[in-house]
Amino acid sequence: MRLSEAAAERIRGIIGKSERPIAGIRVGVQNGGCAGMSYTMECAEAFDPRDEIVDDKGVRLFIDPKAVLFLLGTEMDYRIDKFSSGFVFNNPNQTSACGCGESVAITPATQERDDTRADMGPA
């Protein structure tokens, strides 16, 4: 997993304004929504030893171990348009999304697909 510069800048701003110490951002997926799954993000004060840790552009991400195969190759971006702003996940494992944009269908990466991404860096 990697961050766009816009996402990294926004996360650094959120962490910088926090009233409590933040060790990083925990990213995962959960079941739910009309398409089957949704992305999750939360500020984490500490990492779970089971987390996959990704350091990118001055930001530390803690990837939930249950989400690693769903997030391989994903870029997290932050977009601002005329009516909204928010984090967007550009995920090659995503097979569809609902119309409201709140949930997605994701196929976990297989070993074969993972091997083709070995030269792309960390999860």
Protein backbone atom coordinates (compact mmCIF):
# COMPACT_ATOMS: atom_id res chain seq x y z
CA MET A 1 0.00 0.00 0.00
CA ARG A 2 1.20 3.51 -0.76
CA LEU A 3 0.01 7.09 -0.33
CA SER A 4 -0.40 9.90 -2.82
CA GLU A 5 1.26 13.14 -1.77
CA ALA A 6 -2.20 14.66 -1.14
CA ALA A 7 -3.17 11.80 1.22
CA ALA A 8 0.14 11.98 3.07
CA GLU A 9 -0.20 15.76 3.49
CA ARG A 10 -3.76 15.44 4.82
CA ILE A 11 -2.79 12.66 7.28
CA ARG A 12 0.21 14.65 8.52
CA GLY A 13 -2.15 17.59 9.12
CA ILE A 14 -4.63 15.42 11.05
CA ILE A 15 -1.88 13.92 13.20
CA GLY A 16 -0.32 17.35 13.78
CA LYS A 17 -3.61 18.76 15.10
CA SER A 18 -4.41 15.79 17.32
CA GLU A 19 -4.69 16.43 21.05
CA ARG A 20 -3.36 12.96 21.80
CA PRO A 21 -0.23 11.19 20.57
CA ILE A 22 -0.84 9.34 17.31
CA ALA A 23 1.56 6.57 16.27
CA GLY A 24 -0.02 6.16 12.84
CA ILE A 25 -3.17 5.47 10.87
CA ARG A 26 -4.73 2.00 11.00
CA VAL A 27 -6.23 0.95 7.66
CA GLY A 28 -8.43 -2.06 7.08
CA VAL A 29 -11.59 -3.39 5.50
CA GLN A 30 -14.79 -4.60 7.09
CA ASN A 31 -17.86 -6.46 5.90
CA GLY A 32 -20.86 -4.27 5.27
CA GLY A 33 -22.52 -1.88 2.89
CA CYS A 34 -24.49 -2.65 -0.22
CA ALA A 35 -21.43 -3.86 -2.20
CA GLY A 36 -20.09 -6.11 0.57
CA MET A 37 -17.09 -4.35 2.13
CA SER A 38 -15.92 -0.91 3.17
CA TYR A 39 -12.55 0.62 3.90
CA THR A 40 -11.77 1.63 7.47
CA MET A 41 -9.33 4.21 8.82
CA GLU A 42 -8.63 5.33 12.35
CA CYS A 43 -5.94 7.15 14.27
CA ALA A 44 -3.91 4.66 16.30
CA GLU A 45 -2.04 5.52 19.47
CA ALA A 46 -0.04 2.28 19.24
CA PHE A 47 0.47 -0.50 16.76
CA ASP A 48 -0.74 -4.05 17.12
CA PRO A 49 2.19 -6.48 16.75
CA ARG A 50 0.15 -8.30 14.08
CA ASP A 51 -0.15 -5.15 11.92
CA GLU A 52 1.76 -4.80 8.69
CA ILE A 53 3.63 -1.48 8.99
CA VAL A 54 4.10 0.76 5.97
CA ASP A 55 6.08 4.00 6.16
CA ASP A 56 5.43 6.26 3.17
CA LYS A 57 6.03 9.99 2.70
CA GLY A 58 6.50 10.62 6.41
CA VAL A 59 3.34 8.76 7.41
CA ARG A 60 3.11 5.44 9.23
CA LEU A 61 0.26 3.13 8.24
CA PHE A 62 -0.76 0.09 10.26
CA ILE A 63 -2.44 -2.41 7.96
CA ASP A 64 -4.87 -4.73 9.72
CA PRO A 65 -3.57 -8.27 9.14
CA LYS A 66 -7.00 -9.41 7.91
CA ALA A 67 -6.91 -6.70 5.23
CA VAL A 68 -3.43 -7.19 3.76
CA LEU A 69 -4.51 -9.36 0.81
CA PHE A 70 -7.39 -6.98 0.04
CA LEU A 71 -5.10 -3.92 0.01
CA LEU A 72 -2.04 -5.16 -1.91
CA GLY A 73 -1.16 -2.64 -4.61
CA THR A 74 -3.59 0.00 -3.30
CA GLU A 75 -2.86 3.72 -3.38
CA MET A 76 -4.69 5.91 -0.88
CA ASP A 77 -5.41 9.38 -2.25
CA TYR A 78 -7.11 12.48 -0.84
CA ARG A 79 -9.38 14.37 -3.22
CA ILE A 80 -11.19 17.66 -2.96
CA ASP A 81 -13.89 18.56 -5.43
CA LYS A 82 -16.64 21.13 -5.59
CA PHE A 83 -19.01 19.33 -3.18
CA SER A 84 -16.92 16.94 -1.13
CA SER A 85 -13.50 15.91 0.08
CA GLY A 86 -12.16 12.65 1.41
CA PHE A 87 -9.82 9.73 1.17
CA VAL A 88 -10.12 7.55 -1.92
CA PHE A 89 -8.68 4.07 -2.32
CA ASN A 90 -7.38 3.20 -5.80
CA ASN A 91 -7.37 -0.56 -5.39
CA PRO A 92 -6.53 -2.99 -8.22
CA ASN A 93 -8.29 -5.75 -6.23
CA GLN A 94 -11.61 -3.87 -6.20
CA THR A 95 -14.11 -5.48 -8.55
CA SER A 96 -17.07 -3.11 -8.09
CA ALA A 97 -18.46 -0.31 -5.94
CA CYS A 98 -21.92 0.81 -4.91
CA GLY A 99 -23.44 3.97 -6.33
CA CYS A 100 -23.06 5.91 -3.09
CA GLY A 101 -19.31 5.18 -2.95
CA GLU A 102 -19.44 3.90 0.63
CA SER A 103 -18.84 0.22 -0.05
CA VAL A 104 -16.93 -1.95 -2.50
CA ALA A 105 -16.47 -5.52 -3.62
CA ILE A 106 -12.84 -6.63 -3.29
CA THR A 107 -11.22 -9.89 -4.34
CA PRO A 108 -8.21 -10.75 -2.18
CA ALA A 109 -4.88 -10.96 -4.00
CA THR A 110 -3.69 -14.47 -4.73
CA GLN A 111 -0.12 -15.67 -4.45
CA GLU A 112 0.19 -15.52 -8.24
CA ARG A 113 -1.03 -11.91 -8.36
CA ASP A 114 1.18 -11.09 -5.36
CA ASP A 115 4.27 -12.47 -7.15
CA THR A 116 3.69 -10.11 -10.09
CA ARG A 117 3.77 -7.16 -7.66
CA ALA A 118 6.93 -8.19 -5.84
CA ASP A 119 8.88 -5.35 -7.42
CA MET A 120 6.27 -2.71 -6.50
CA GLY A 121 7.41 -2.24 -2.89
CA PRO A 122 5.60 -2.80 0.40
CA ALA A 123 1.94 -3.75 0.72
